[in-house]
Amino acid sequence: MYSYRSYLIWALCDLFILVVILLIAKNK
């Protein structure tokens, strides 16, 4: 919460999970 990178870390987490979701549901 006191890191100047916290929002960037959360954005990268969402990007990573977005890629994971696309891989999980690639044939759907």
mmCIF file of all heavy atoms, coordinates in Angstrom:
data_MODEL
# 
_entry.id   MODEL 
# 
loop_
_atom_site.group_PDB 
_atom_site.id 
_atom_site.type_symbol 
_atom_site.label_atom_id 
_atom_site.label_alt_id 
_atom_site.label_comp_id 
_atom_site.label_asym_id 
_atom_site.label_entity_id 
_atom_site.label_seq_id 
_atom_site.pdbx_PDB_ins_code 
_atom_site.Cartn_x 
_atom_site.Cartn_y 
_atom_site.Cartn_z 
_atom_site.occupancy 
_atom_site.B_iso_or_equiv 
_atom_site.pdbx_formal_charge 
_atom_site.auth_seq_id 
_atom_site.auth_comp_id 
_atom_site.auth_asym_id 
_atom_site.auth_atom_id 
_atom_site.pdbx_PDB_model_num 
ATOM 1   N N   . MET A 1 1  ? 0.815   -1.211  0.000   1.00 0.00 ? 1  MET A N   1 
ATOM 2   C CA  . MET A 1 1  ? 0.000   0.000   0.000   1.00 0.00 ? 1  MET A CA  1 
ATOM 3   C C   . MET A 1 1  ? 0.854   1.267   0.000   1.00 0.00 ? 1  MET A C   1 
ATOM 4   O O   . MET A 1 1  ? 0.406   2.303   -0.450  1.00 0.00 ? 1  MET A O   1 
ATOM 5   C CB  . MET A 1 1  ? -0.951  0.009   1.193   1.00 0.00 ? 1  MET A CB  1 
ATOM 6   C CG  . MET A 1 1  ? -2.014  -1.068  1.117   1.00 0.00 ? 1  MET A CG  1 
ATOM 7   S SD  . MET A 1 1  ? -2.911  -1.107  -0.455  1.00 0.00 ? 1  MET A SD  1 
ATOM 8   C CE  . MET A 1 1  ? -3.818  0.402   -0.370  1.00 0.00 ? 1  MET A CE  1 
ATOM 9   N N   . TYR A 1 2  ? 2.074   1.203   0.490   1.00 0.00 ? 2  TYR A N   1 
ATOM 10  C CA  . TYR A 1 2  ? 2.930   2.368   0.511   1.00 0.00 ? 2  TYR A CA  1 
ATOM 11  C C   . TYR A 1 2  ? 4.016   2.310   -0.563  1.00 0.00 ? 2  TYR A C   1 
ATOM 12  O O   . TYR A 1 2  ? 4.938   3.096   -0.553  1.00 0.00 ? 2  TYR A O   1 
ATOM 13  C CB  . TYR A 1 2  ? 3.542   2.570   1.903   1.00 0.00 ? 2  TYR A CB  1 
ATOM 14  C CG  . TYR A 1 2  ? 2.489   2.948   2.902   1.00 0.00 ? 2  TYR A CG  1 
ATOM 15  C CD1 . TYR A 1 2  ? 2.014   2.018   3.820   1.00 0.00 ? 2  TYR A CD1 1 
ATOM 16  C CD2 . TYR A 1 2  ? 1.926   4.218   2.889   1.00 0.00 ? 2  TYR A CD2 1 
ATOM 17  C CE1 . TYR A 1 2  ? 1.014   2.364   4.722   1.00 0.00 ? 2  TYR A CE1 1 
ATOM 18  C CE2 . TYR A 1 2  ? 0.931   4.570   3.785   1.00 0.00 ? 2  TYR A CE2 1 
ATOM 19  C CZ  . TYR A 1 2  ? 0.488   3.636   4.695   1.00 0.00 ? 2  TYR A CZ  1 
ATOM 20  O OH  . TYR A 1 2  ? -0.509  3.969   5.578   1.00 0.00 ? 2  TYR A OH  1 
ATOM 21  N N   . SER A 1 3  ? 3.866   1.369   -1.467  1.00 0.00 ? 3  SER A N   1 
ATOM 22  C CA  . SER A 1 3  ? 4.805   1.266   -2.575  1.00 0.00 ? 3  SER A CA  1 
ATOM 23  C C   . SER A 1 3  ? 4.316   2.145   -3.724  1.00 0.00 ? 3  SER A C   1 
ATOM 24  O O   . SER A 1 3  ? 3.125   2.181   -4.017  1.00 0.00 ? 3  SER A O   1 
ATOM 25  C CB  . SER A 1 3  ? 4.900   -0.184  -3.046  1.00 0.00 ? 3  SER A CB  1 
ATOM 26  O OG  . SER A 1 3  ? 5.614   -0.266  -4.256  1.00 0.00 ? 3  SER A OG  1 
ATOM 27  N N   . TYR A 1 4  ? 5.226   2.836   -4.377  1.00 0.00 ? 4  TYR A N   1 
ATOM 28  C CA  . TYR A 1 4  ? 4.829   3.656   -5.519  1.00 0.00 ? 4  TYR A CA  1 
ATOM 29  C C   . TYR A 1 4  ? 4.508   2.794   -6.743  1.00 0.00 ? 4  TYR A C   1 
ATOM 30  O O   . TYR A 1 4  ? 4.016   3.280   -7.735  1.00 0.00 ? 4  TYR A O   1 
ATOM 31  C CB  . TYR A 1 4  ? 5.914   4.696   -5.850  1.00 0.00 ? 4  TYR A CB  1 
ATOM 32  C CG  . TYR A 1 4  ? 7.216   4.120   -6.327  1.00 0.00 ? 4  TYR A CG  1 
ATOM 33  C CD1 . TYR A 1 4  ? 7.474   3.957   -7.679  1.00 0.00 ? 4  TYR A CD1 1 
ATOM 34  C CD2 . TYR A 1 4  ? 8.206   3.738   -5.411  1.00 0.00 ? 4  TYR A CD2 1 
ATOM 35  C CE1 . TYR A 1 4  ? 8.665   3.427   -8.121  1.00 0.00 ? 4  TYR A CE1 1 
ATOM 36  C CE2 . TYR A 1 4  ? 9.405   3.215   -5.847  1.00 0.00 ? 4  TYR A CE2 1 
ATOM 37  C CZ  . TYR A 1 4  ? 9.624   3.057   -7.199  1.00 0.00 ? 4  TYR A CZ  1 
ATOM 38  O OH  . TYR A 1 4  ? 10.807  2.528   -7.632  1.00 0.00 ? 4  TYR A OH  1 
ATOM 39  N N   . ARG A 1 5  ? 4.781   1.499   -6.634  1.00 0.00 ? 5  ARG A N   1 
ATOM 40  C CA  . ARG A 1 5  ? 4.512   0.580   -7.745  1.00 0.00 ? 5  ARG A CA  1 
ATOM 41  C C   . ARG A 1 5  ? 3.235   -0.243  -7.556  1.00 0.00 ? 5  ARG A C   1 
ATOM 42  O O   . ARG A 1 5  ? 2.959   -1.113  -8.363  1.00 0.00 ? 5  ARG A O   1 
ATOM 43  C CB  . ARG A 1 5  ? 5.678   -0.384  -7.907  1.00 0.00 ? 5  ARG A CB  1 
ATOM 44  C CG  . ARG A 1 5  ? 6.945   0.265   -8.316  1.00 0.00 ? 5  ARG A CG  1 
ATOM 45  C CD  . ARG A 1 5  ? 8.003   -0.791  -8.587  1.00 0.00 ? 5  ARG A CD  1 
ATOM 46  N NE  . ARG A 1 5  ? 9.294   -0.173  -8.673  1.00 0.00 ? 5  ARG A NE  1 
ATOM 47  C CZ  . ARG A 1 5  ? 10.353  -0.569  -8.011  1.00 0.00 ? 5  ARG A CZ  1 
ATOM 48  N NH1 . ARG A 1 5  ? 10.297  -1.600  -7.222  1.00 0.00 ? 5  ARG A NH1 1 
ATOM 49  N NH2 . ARG A 1 5  ? 11.494  0.059   -8.154  1.00 0.00 ? 5  ARG A NH2 1 
ATOM 50  N N   . SER A 1 6  ? 2.472   -0.027  -6.507  1.00 0.00 ? 6  SER A N   1 
ATOM 51  C CA  . SER A 1 6  ? 1.341   -0.905  -6.201  1.00 0.00 ? 6  SER A CA  1 
ATOM 52  C C   . SER A 1 6  ? 0.321   -0.974  -7.341  1.00 0.00 ? 6  SER A C   1 
ATOM 53  O O   . SER A 1 6  ? -0.127  -2.059  -7.710  1.00 0.00 ? 6  SER A O   1 
ATOM 54  C CB  . SER A 1 6  ? 0.659   -0.489  -4.896  1.00 0.00 ? 6  SER A CB  1 
ATOM 55  O OG  . SER A 1 6  ? 0.198   0.835   -4.967  1.00 0.00 ? 6  SER A OG  1 
ATOM 56  N N   . TYR A 1 7  ? -0.031  0.172   -7.934  1.00 0.00 ? 7  TYR A N   1 
ATOM 57  C CA  . TYR A 1 7  ? -1.005  0.152   -9.033  1.00 0.00 ? 7  TYR A CA  1 
ATOM 58  C C   . TYR A 1 7  ? -0.429  -0.560  -10.252 1.00 0.00 ? 7  TYR A C   1 
ATOM 59  O O   . TYR A 1 7  ? -1.137  -1.284  -10.954 1.00 0.00 ? 7  TYR A O   1 
ATOM 60  C CB  . TYR A 1 7  ? -1.435  1.569   -9.413  1.00 0.00 ? 7  TYR A CB  1 
ATOM 61  C CG  . TYR A 1 7  ? -2.235  2.251   -8.335  1.00 0.00 ? 7  TYR A CG  1 
ATOM 62  C CD1 . TYR A 1 7  ? -1.728  3.351   -7.663  1.00 0.00 ? 7  TYR A CD1 1 
ATOM 63  C CD2 . TYR A 1 7  ? -3.501  1.790   -7.983  1.00 0.00 ? 7  TYR A CD2 1 
ATOM 64  C CE1 . TYR A 1 7  ? -2.451  3.980   -6.674  1.00 0.00 ? 7  TYR A CE1 1 
ATOM 65  C CE2 . TYR A 1 7  ? -4.238  2.411   -6.994  1.00 0.00 ? 7  TYR A CE2 1 
ATOM 66  C CZ  . TYR A 1 7  ? -3.714  3.505   -6.343  1.00 0.00 ? 7  TYR A CZ  1 
ATOM 67  O OH  . TYR A 1 7  ? -4.434  4.121   -5.355  1.00 0.00 ? 7  TYR A OH  1 
ATOM 68  N N   . LEU A 1 8  ? 0.851   -0.392  -10.486 1.00 0.00 ? 8  LEU A N   1 
ATOM 69  C CA  . LEU A 1 8  ? 1.502   -1.073  -11.604 1.00 0.00 ? 8  LEU A CA  1 
ATOM 70  C C   . LEU A 1 8  ? 1.536   -2.584  -11.372 1.00 0.00 ? 8  LEU A C   1 
ATOM 71  O O   . LEU A 1 8  ? 1.299   -3.362  -12.295 1.00 0.00 ? 8  LEU A O   1 
ATOM 72  C CB  . LEU A 1 8  ? 2.913   -0.514  -11.798 1.00 0.00 ? 8  LEU A CB  1 
ATOM 73  C CG  . LEU A 1 8  ? 3.650   -0.933  -13.052 1.00 0.00 ? 8  LEU A CG  1 
ATOM 74  C CD1 . LEU A 1 8  ? 2.880   -0.522  -14.303 1.00 0.00 ? 8  LEU A CD1 1 
ATOM 75  C CD2 . LEU A 1 8  ? 5.035   -0.320  -13.070 1.00 0.00 ? 8  LEU A CD2 1 
ATOM 76  N N   . ILE A 1 9  ? 1.789   -3.004  -10.147 1.00 0.00 ? 9  ILE A N   1 
ATOM 77  C CA  . ILE A 1 9  ? 1.786   -4.432  -9.808  1.00 0.00 ? 9  ILE A CA  1 
ATOM 78  C C   . ILE A 1 9  ? 0.400   -5.020  -10.027 1.00 0.00 ? 9  ILE A C   1 
ATOM 79  O O   . ILE A 1 9  ? 0.251   -6.105  -10.603 1.00 0.00 ? 9  ILE A O   1 
ATOM 80  C CB  . ILE A 1 9  ? 2.276   -4.648  -8.364  1.00 0.00 ? 9  ILE A CB  1 
ATOM 81  C CG1 . ILE A 1 9  ? 3.759   -4.307  -8.255  1.00 0.00 ? 9  ILE A CG1 1 
ATOM 82  C CG2 . ILE A 1 9  ? 2.003   -6.076  -7.894  1.00 0.00 ? 9  ILE A CG2 1 
ATOM 83  C CD1 . ILE A 1 9  ? 4.284   -4.216  -6.832  1.00 0.00 ? 9  ILE A CD1 1 
ATOM 84  N N   . TRP A 1 10 ? -0.635  -4.295  -9.595  1.00 0.00 ? 10 TRP A N   1 
ATOM 85  C CA  . TRP A 1 10 ? -2.006  -4.782  -9.790  1.00 0.00 ? 10 TRP A CA  1 
ATOM 86  C C   . TRP A 1 10 ? -2.355  -4.858  -11.276 1.00 0.00 ? 10 TRP A C   1 
ATOM 87  O O   . TRP A 1 10 ? -3.024  -5.791  -11.713 1.00 0.00 ? 10 TRP A O   1 
ATOM 88  C CB  . TRP A 1 10 ? -3.002  -3.906  -9.047  1.00 0.00 ? 10 TRP A CB  1 
ATOM 89  C CG  . TRP A 1 10 ? -2.952  -4.084  -7.561  1.00 0.00 ? 10 TRP A CG  1 
ATOM 90  C CD1 . TRP A 1 10 ? -2.584  -5.211  -6.879  1.00 0.00 ? 10 TRP A CD1 1 
ATOM 91  C CD2 . TRP A 1 10 ? -3.267  -3.117  -6.575  1.00 0.00 ? 10 TRP A CD2 1 
ATOM 92  N NE1 . TRP A 1 10 ? -2.657  -4.986  -5.529  1.00 0.00 ? 10 TRP A NE1 1 
ATOM 93  C CE2 . TRP A 1 10 ? -3.073  -3.708  -5.310  1.00 0.00 ? 10 TRP A CE2 1 
ATOM 94  C CE3 . TRP A 1 10 ? -3.690  -1.797  -6.627  1.00 0.00 ? 10 TRP A CE3 1 
ATOM 95  C CZ2 . TRP A 1 10 ? -3.303  -3.037  -4.122  1.00 0.00 ? 10 TRP A CZ2 1 
ATOM 96  C CZ3 . TRP A 1 10 ? -3.915  -1.125  -5.444  1.00 0.00 ? 10 TRP A CZ3 1 
ATOM 97  C CH2 . TRP A 1 10 ? -3.728  -1.736  -4.205  1.00 0.00 ? 10 TRP A CH2 1 
ATOM 98  N N   . ALA A 1 11 ? -1.882  -3.894  -12.064 1.00 0.00 ? 11 ALA A N   1 
ATOM 99  C CA  . ALA A 1 11 ? -2.127  -3.924  -13.508 1.00 0.00 ? 11 ALA A CA  1 
ATOM 100 C C   . ALA A 1 11 ? -1.441  -5.132  -14.140 1.00 0.00 ? 11 ALA A C   1 
ATOM 101 O O   . ALA A 1 11 ? -2.029  -5.825  -14.981 1.00 0.00 ? 11 ALA A O   1 
ATOM 102 C CB  . ALA A 1 11 ? -1.641  -2.633  -14.161 1.00 0.00 ? 11 ALA A CB  1 
ATOM 103 N N   . LEU A 1 12 ? -0.214  -5.406  -13.722 1.00 0.00 ? 12 LEU A N   1 
ATOM 104 C CA  . LEU A 1 12 ? 0.501   -6.568  -14.264 1.00 0.00 ? 12 LEU A CA  1 
ATOM 105 C C   . LEU A 1 12 ? -0.149  -7.877  -13.834 1.00 0.00 ? 12 LEU A C   1 
ATOM 106 O O   . LEU A 1 12 ? -0.198  -8.831  -14.620 1.00 0.00 ? 12 LEU A O   1 
ATOM 107 C CB  . LEU A 1 12 ? 1.976   -6.519  -13.843 1.00 0.00 ? 12 LEU A CB  1 
ATOM 108 C CG  . LEU A 1 12 ? 2.789   -5.400  -14.485 1.00 0.00 ? 12 LEU A CG  1 
ATOM 109 C CD1 . LEU A 1 12 ? 4.184   -5.333  -13.876 1.00 0.00 ? 12 LEU A CD1 1 
ATOM 110 C CD2 . LEU A 1 12 ? 2.857   -5.568  -15.992 1.00 0.00 ? 12 LEU A CD2 1 
ATOM 111 N N   . CYS A 1 13 ? -0.658  -7.931  -12.606 1.00 0.00 ? 13 CYS A N   1 
ATOM 112 C CA  . CYS A 1 13 ? -1.394  -9.126  -12.155 1.00 0.00 ? 13 CYS A CA  1 
ATOM 113 C C   . CYS A 1 13 ? -2.629  -9.346  -13.026 1.00 0.00 ? 13 CYS A C   1 
ATOM 114 O O   . CYS A 1 13 ? -2.912  -10.479 -13.428 1.00 0.00 ? 13 CYS A O   1 
ATOM 115 C CB  . CYS A 1 13 ? -1.815  -8.990  -10.696 1.00 0.00 ? 13 CYS A CB  1 
ATOM 116 S SG  . CYS A 1 13 ? -0.498  -9.264  -9.516  1.00 0.00 ? 13 CYS A SG  1 
ATOM 117 N N   . ASP A 1 14 ? -3.356  -8.275  -13.324 1.00 0.00 ? 14 ASP A N   1 
ATOM 118 C CA  . ASP A 1 14 ? -4.542  -8.404  -14.176 1.00 0.00 ? 14 ASP A CA  1 
ATOM 119 C C   . ASP A 1 14 ? -4.169  -8.824  -15.590 1.00 0.00 ? 14 ASP A C   1 
ATOM 120 O O   . ASP A 1 14 ? -4.861  -9.626  -16.211 1.00 0.00 ? 14 ASP A O   1 
ATOM 121 C CB  . ASP A 1 14 ? -5.339  -7.103  -14.195 1.00 0.00 ? 14 ASP A CB  1 
ATOM 122 C CG  . ASP A 1 14 ? -6.236  -6.955  -12.980 1.00 0.00 ? 14 ASP A CG  1 
ATOM 123 O OD1 . ASP A 1 14 ? -6.264  -7.879  -12.138 1.00 0.00 ? 14 ASP A OD1 1 
ATOM 124 O OD2 . ASP A 1 14 ? -6.917  -5.914  -12.865 1.00 0.00 ? 14 ASP A OD2 1 
ATOM 125 N N   . LEU A 1 15 ? -3.067  -8.301  -16.104 1.00 0.00 ? 15 LEU A N   1 
ATOM 126 C CA  . LEU A 1 15 ? -2.607  -8.708  -17.435 1.00 0.00 ? 15 LEU A CA  1 
ATOM 127 C C   . LEU A 1 15 ? -2.249  -10.190 -17.446 1.00 0.00 ? 15 LEU A C   1 
ATOM 128 O O   . LEU A 1 15 ? -2.631  -10.928 -18.364 1.00 0.00 ? 15 LEU A O   1 
ATOM 129 C CB  . LEU A 1 15 ? -1.401  -7.865  -17.863 1.00 0.00 ? 15 LEU A CB  1 
ATOM 130 C CG  . LEU A 1 15 ? -0.781  -8.237  -19.206 1.00 0.00 ? 15 LEU A CG  1 
ATOM 131 C CD1 . LEU A 1 15 ? -1.777  -8.037  -20.332 1.00 0.00 ? 15 LEU A CD1 1 
ATOM 132 C CD2 . LEU A 1 15 ? 0.488   -7.427  -19.446 1.00 0.00 ? 15 LEU A CD2 1 
ATOM 133 N N   . PHE A 1 16 ? -1.539  -10.641 -16.435 1.00 0.00 ? 16 PHE A N   1 
ATOM 134 C CA  . PHE A 1 16 ? -1.162  -12.055 -16.344 1.00 0.00 ? 16 PHE A CA  1 
ATOM 135 C C   . PHE A 1 16 ? -2.406  -12.943 -16.269 1.00 0.00 ? 16 PHE A C   1 
ATOM 136 O O   . PHE A 1 16 ? -2.511  -13.942 -16.984 1.00 0.00 ? 16 PHE A O   1 
ATOM 137 C CB  . PHE A 1 16 ? -0.257  -12.287 -15.131 1.00 0.00 ? 16 PHE A CB  1 
ATOM 138 C CG  . PHE A 1 16 ? 0.102   -13.719 -14.915 1.00 0.00 ? 16 PHE A CG  1 
ATOM 139 C CD1 . PHE A 1 16 ? 1.031   -14.348 -15.739 1.00 0.00 ? 16 PHE A CD1 1 
ATOM 140 C CD2 . PHE A 1 16 ? -0.500  -14.465 -13.907 1.00 0.00 ? 16 PHE A CD2 1 
ATOM 141 C CE1 . PHE A 1 16 ? 1.357   -15.692 -15.560 1.00 0.00 ? 16 PHE A CE1 1 
ATOM 142 C CE2 . PHE A 1 16 ? -0.182  -15.792 -13.719 1.00 0.00 ? 16 PHE A CE2 1 
ATOM 143 C CZ  . PHE A 1 16 ? 0.753   -16.412 -14.544 1.00 0.00 ? 16 PHE A CZ  1 
ATOM 144 N N   . ILE A 1 17 ? -3.362  -12.568 -15.421 1.00 0.00 ? 17 ILE A N   1 
ATOM 145 C CA  . ILE A 1 17 ? -4.580  -13.377 -15.281 1.00 0.00 ? 17 ILE A CA  1 
ATOM 146 C C   . ILE A 1 17 ? -5.409  -13.324 -16.554 1.00 0.00 ? 17 ILE A C   1 
ATOM 147 O O   . ILE A 1 17 ? -6.048  -14.310 -16.930 1.00 0.00 ? 17 ILE A O   1 
ATOM 148 C CB  . ILE A 1 17 ? -5.387  -12.929 -14.045 1.00 0.00 ? 17 ILE A CB  1 
ATOM 149 C CG1 . ILE A 1 17 ? -4.630  -13.330 -12.797 1.00 0.00 ? 17 ILE A CG1 1 
ATOM 150 C CG2 . ILE A 1 17 ? -6.779  -13.524 -14.024 1.00 0.00 ? 17 ILE A CG2 1 
ATOM 151 C CD1 . ILE A 1 17 ? -4.298  -14.818 -12.695 1.00 0.00 ? 17 ILE A CD1 1 
ATOM 152 N N   . LEU A 1 18 ? -5.401  -12.202 -17.253 1.00 0.00 ? 18 LEU A N   1 
ATOM 153 C CA  . LEU A 1 18 ? -6.102  -12.111 -18.536 1.00 0.00 ? 18 LEU A CA  1 
ATOM 154 C C   . LEU A 1 18 ? -5.532  -13.121 -19.522 1.00 0.00 ? 18 LEU A C   1 
ATOM 155 O O   . LEU A 1 18 ? -6.278  -13.829 -20.202 1.00 0.00 ? 18 LEU A O   1 
ATOM 156 C CB  . LEU A 1 18 ? -6.005  -10.690 -19.084 1.00 0.00 ? 18 LEU A CB  1 
ATOM 157 C CG  . LEU A 1 18 ? -6.720  -10.404 -20.391 1.00 0.00 ? 18 LEU A CG  1 
ATOM 158 C CD1 . LEU A 1 18 ? -8.213  -10.669 -20.269 1.00 0.00 ? 18 LEU A CD1 1 
ATOM 159 C CD2 . LEU A 1 18 ? -6.468  -8.973  -20.819 1.00 0.00 ? 18 LEU A CD2 1 
ATOM 160 N N   . VAL A 1 19 ? -4.219  -13.224 -19.580 1.00 0.00 ? 19 VAL A N   1 
ATOM 161 C CA  . VAL A 1 19 ? -3.580  -14.212 -20.460 1.00 0.00 ? 19 VAL A CA  1 
ATOM 162 C C   . VAL A 1 19 ? -3.951  -15.626 -20.014 1.00 0.00 ? 19 VAL A C   1 
ATOM 163 O O   . VAL A 1 19 ? -4.269  -16.488 -20.846 1.00 0.00 ? 19 VAL A O   1 
ATOM 164 C CB  . VAL A 1 19 ? -2.046  -14.006 -20.489 1.00 0.00 ? 19 VAL A CB  1 
ATOM 165 C CG1 . VAL A 1 19 ? -1.344  -15.153 -21.190 1.00 0.00 ? 19 VAL A CG1 1 
ATOM 166 C CG2 . VAL A 1 19 ? -1.706  -12.684 -21.146 1.00 0.00 ? 19 VAL A CG2 1 
ATOM 167 N N   . VAL A 1 20 ? -3.941  -15.886 -18.705 1.00 0.00 ? 20 VAL A N   1 
ATOM 168 C CA  . VAL A 1 20 ? -4.309  -17.204 -18.189 1.00 0.00 ? 20 VAL A CA  1 
ATOM 169 C C   . VAL A 1 20 ? -5.752  -17.535 -18.559 1.00 0.00 ? 20 VAL A C   1 
ATOM 170 O O   . VAL A 1 20 ? -6.049  -18.653 -19.005 1.00 0.00 ? 20 VAL A O   1 
ATOM 171 C CB  . VAL A 1 20 ? -4.090  -17.273 -16.656 1.00 0.00 ? 20 VAL A CB  1 
ATOM 172 C CG1 . VAL A 1 20 ? -4.714  -18.517 -16.056 1.00 0.00 ? 20 VAL A CG1 1 
ATOM 173 C CG2 . VAL A 1 20 ? -2.605  -17.208 -16.337 1.00 0.00 ? 20 VAL A CG2 1 
ATOM 174 N N   . ILE A 1 21 ? -6.658  -16.580 -18.403 1.00 0.00 ? 21 ILE A N   1 
ATOM 175 C CA  . ILE A 1 21 ? -8.071  -16.791 -18.750 1.00 0.00 ? 21 ILE A CA  1 
ATOM 176 C C   . ILE A 1 21 ? -8.205  -17.104 -20.233 1.00 0.00 ? 21 ILE A C   1 
ATOM 177 O O   . ILE A 1 21 ? -8.950  -18.004 -20.626 1.00 0.00 ? 21 ILE A O   1 
ATOM 178 C CB  . ILE A 1 21 ? -8.926  -15.554 -18.372 1.00 0.00 ? 21 ILE A CB  1 
ATOM 179 C CG1 . ILE A 1 21 ? -8.967  -15.342 -16.864 1.00 0.00 ? 21 ILE A CG1 1 
ATOM 180 C CG2 . ILE A 1 21 ? -10.330 -15.639 -18.959 1.00 0.00 ? 21 ILE A CG2 1 
ATOM 181 C CD1 . ILE A 1 21 ? -9.644  -16.419 -16.076 1.00 0.00 ? 21 ILE A CD1 1 
ATOM 182 N N   . LEU A 1 22 ? -7.486  -16.365 -21.071 1.00 0.00 ? 22 LEU A N   1 
ATOM 183 C CA  . LEU A 1 22 ? -7.552  -16.626 -22.513 1.00 0.00 ? 22 LEU A CA  1 
ATOM 184 C C   . LEU A 1 22 ? -7.018  -18.015 -22.852 1.00 0.00 ? 22 LEU A C   1 
ATOM 185 O O   . LEU A 1 22 ? -7.537  -18.683 -23.760 1.00 0.00 ? 22 LEU A O   1 
ATOM 186 C CB  . LEU A 1 22 ? -6.785  -15.543 -23.279 1.00 0.00 ? 22 LEU A CB  1 
ATOM 187 C CG  . LEU A 1 22 ? -7.426  -14.153 -23.261 1.00 0.00 ? 22 LEU A CG  1 
ATOM 188 C CD1 . LEU A 1 22 ? -6.486  -13.124 -23.880 1.00 0.00 ? 22 LEU A CD1 1 
ATOM 189 C CD2 . LEU A 1 22 ? -8.770  -14.165 -23.962 1.00 0.00 ? 22 LEU A CD2 1 
ATOM 190 N N   . LEU A 1 23 ? -6.017  -18.478 -22.137 1.00 0.00 ? 23 LEU A N   1 
ATOM 191 C CA  . LEU A 1 23 ? -5.497  -19.834 -22.365 1.00 0.00 ? 23 LEU A CA  1 
ATOM 192 C C   . LEU A 1 23 ? -6.472  -20.897 -21.868 1.00 0.00 ? 23 LEU A C   1 
ATOM 193 O O   . LEU A 1 23 ? -6.672  -21.919 -22.536 1.00 0.00 ? 23 LEU A O   1 
ATOM 194 C CB  . LEU A 1 23 ? -4.139  -20.005 -21.688 1.00 0.00 ? 23 LEU A CB  1 
ATOM 195 C CG  . LEU A 1 23 ? -2.982  -19.244 -22.321 1.00 0.00 ? 23 LEU A CG  1 
ATOM 196 C CD1 . LEU A 1 23 ? -1.730  -19.359 -21.461 1.00 0.00 ? 23 LEU A CD1 1 
ATOM 197 C CD2 . LEU A 1 23 ? -2.716  -19.746 -23.735 1.00 0.00 ? 23 LEU A CD2 1 
ATOM 198 N N   . ILE A 1 24 ? -7.071  -20.658 -20.706 1.00 0.00 ? 24 ILE A N   1 
ATOM 199 C CA  . ILE A 1 24 ? -8.018  -21.630 -20.145 1.00 0.00 ? 24 ILE A CA  1 
ATOM 200 C C   . ILE A 1 24 ? -9.221  -21.797 -21.064 1.00 0.00 ? 24 ILE A C   1 
ATOM 201 O O   . ILE A 1 24 ? -9.683  -22.915 -21.297 1.00 0.00 ? 24 ILE A O   1 
ATOM 202 C CB  . ILE A 1 24 ? -8.482  -21.198 -18.731 1.00 0.00 ? 24 ILE A CB  1 
ATOM 203 C CG1 . ILE A 1 24 ? -7.342  -21.341 -17.730 1.00 0.00 ? 24 ILE A CG1 1 
ATOM 204 C CG2 . ILE A 1 24 ? -9.702  -21.999 -18.280 1.00 0.00 ? 24 ILE A CG2 1 
ATOM 205 C CD1 . ILE A 1 24 ? -7.640  -20.741 -16.363 1.00 0.00 ? 24 ILE A CD1 1 
ATOM 206 N N   . ALA A 1 25 ? -9.731  -20.683 -21.581 1.00 0.00 ? 25 ALA A N   1 
ATOM 207 C CA  . ALA A 1 25 ? -10.977 -20.716 -22.361 1.00 0.00 ? 25 ALA A CA  1 
ATOM 208 C C   . ALA A 1 25 ? -10.738 -20.482 -23.842 1.00 0.00 ? 25 ALA A C   1 
ATOM 209 O O   . ALA A 1 25 ? -11.621 -19.982 -24.543 1.00 0.00 ? 25 ALA A O   1 
ATOM 210 C CB  . ALA A 1 25 ? -11.936 -19.674 -21.802 1.00 0.00 ? 25 ALA A CB  1 
ATOM 211 N N   . LYS A 1 26 ? -9.571  -20.867 -24.341 1.00 0.00 ? 26 LYS A N   1 
ATOM 212 C CA  . LYS A 1 26 ? -9.243  -20.573 -25.739 1.00 0.00 ? 26 LYS A CA  1 
ATOM 213 C C   . LYS A 1 26 ? -10.181 -21.253 -26.740 1.00 0.00 ? 26 LYS A C   1 
ATOM 214 O O   . LYS A 1 26 ? -10.419 -20.721 -27.808 1.00 0.00 ? 26 LYS A O   1 
ATOM 215 C CB  . LYS A 1 26 ? -7.793  -20.937 -26.039 1.00 0.00 ? 26 LYS A CB  1 
ATOM 216 C CG  . LYS A 1 26 ? -7.498  -22.403 -25.989 1.00 0.00 ? 26 LYS A CG  1 
ATOM 217 C CD  . LYS A 1 26 ? -6.048  -22.687 -26.277 1.00 0.00 ? 26 LYS A CD  1 
ATOM 218 C CE  . LYS A 1 26 ? -5.795  -24.155 -26.081 1.00 0.00 ? 26 LYS A CE  1 
ATOM 219 N NZ  . LYS A 1 26 ? -4.405  -24.494 -26.067 1.00 0.00 ? 26 LYS A NZ  1 
ATOM 220 N N   . ASN A 1 27 ? -10.741 -22.390 -26.400 1.00 0.00 ? 27 ASN A N   1 
ATOM 221 C CA  . ASN A 1 27 ? -11.625 -23.105 -27.317 1.00 0.00 ? 27 ASN A CA  1 
ATOM 222 C C   . ASN A 1 27 ? -13.100 -22.859 -27.033 1.00 0.00 ? 27 ASN A C   1 
ATOM 223 O O   . ASN A 1 27 ? -13.949 -23.528 -27.605 1.00 0.00 ? 27 ASN A O   1 
ATOM 224 C CB  . ASN A 1 27 ? -11.339 -24.606 -27.256 1.00 0.00 ? 27 ASN A CB  1 
ATOM 225 C CG  . ASN A 1 27 ? -9.946  -24.928 -27.740 1.00 0.00 ? 27 ASN A CG  1 
ATOM 226 O OD1 . ASN A 1 27 ? -9.416  -24.271 -28.631 1.00 0.00 ? 27 ASN A OD1 1 
ATOM 227 N ND2 . ASN A 1 27 ? -9.325  -25.919 -27.128 1.00 0.00 ? 27 ASN A ND2 1 
ATOM 228 N N   . LYS A 1 28 ? -13.402 -21.914 -26.168 1.00 0.00 ? 28 LYS A N   1 
ATOM 229 C CA  . LYS A 1 28 ? -14.790 -21.633 -25.800 1.00 0.00 ? 28 LYS A CA  1 
ATOM 230 C C   . LYS A 1 28 ? -15.242 -20.332 -26.442 1.00 0.00 ? 28 LYS A C   1 
ATOM 231 O O   . LYS A 1 28 ? -14.574 -19.318 -26.354 1.00 0.00 ? 28 LYS A O   1 
ATOM 232 C CB  . LYS A 1 28 ? -14.949 -21.509 -24.273 1.00 0.00 ? 28 LYS A CB  1 
ATOM 233 C CG  . LYS A 1 28 ? -14.538 -22.746 -23.526 1.00 0.00 ? 28 LYS A CG  1 
ATOM 234 C CD  . LYS A 1 28 ? -15.477 -23.878 -23.838 1.00 0.00 ? 28 LYS A CD  1 
ATOM 235 C CE  . LYS A 1 28 ? -15.020 -25.118 -23.099 1.00 0.00 ? 28 LYS A CE  1 
ATOM 236 N NZ  . LYS A 1 28 ? -15.523 -26.322 -23.657 1.00 0.00 ? 28 LYS A NZ  1 
# 
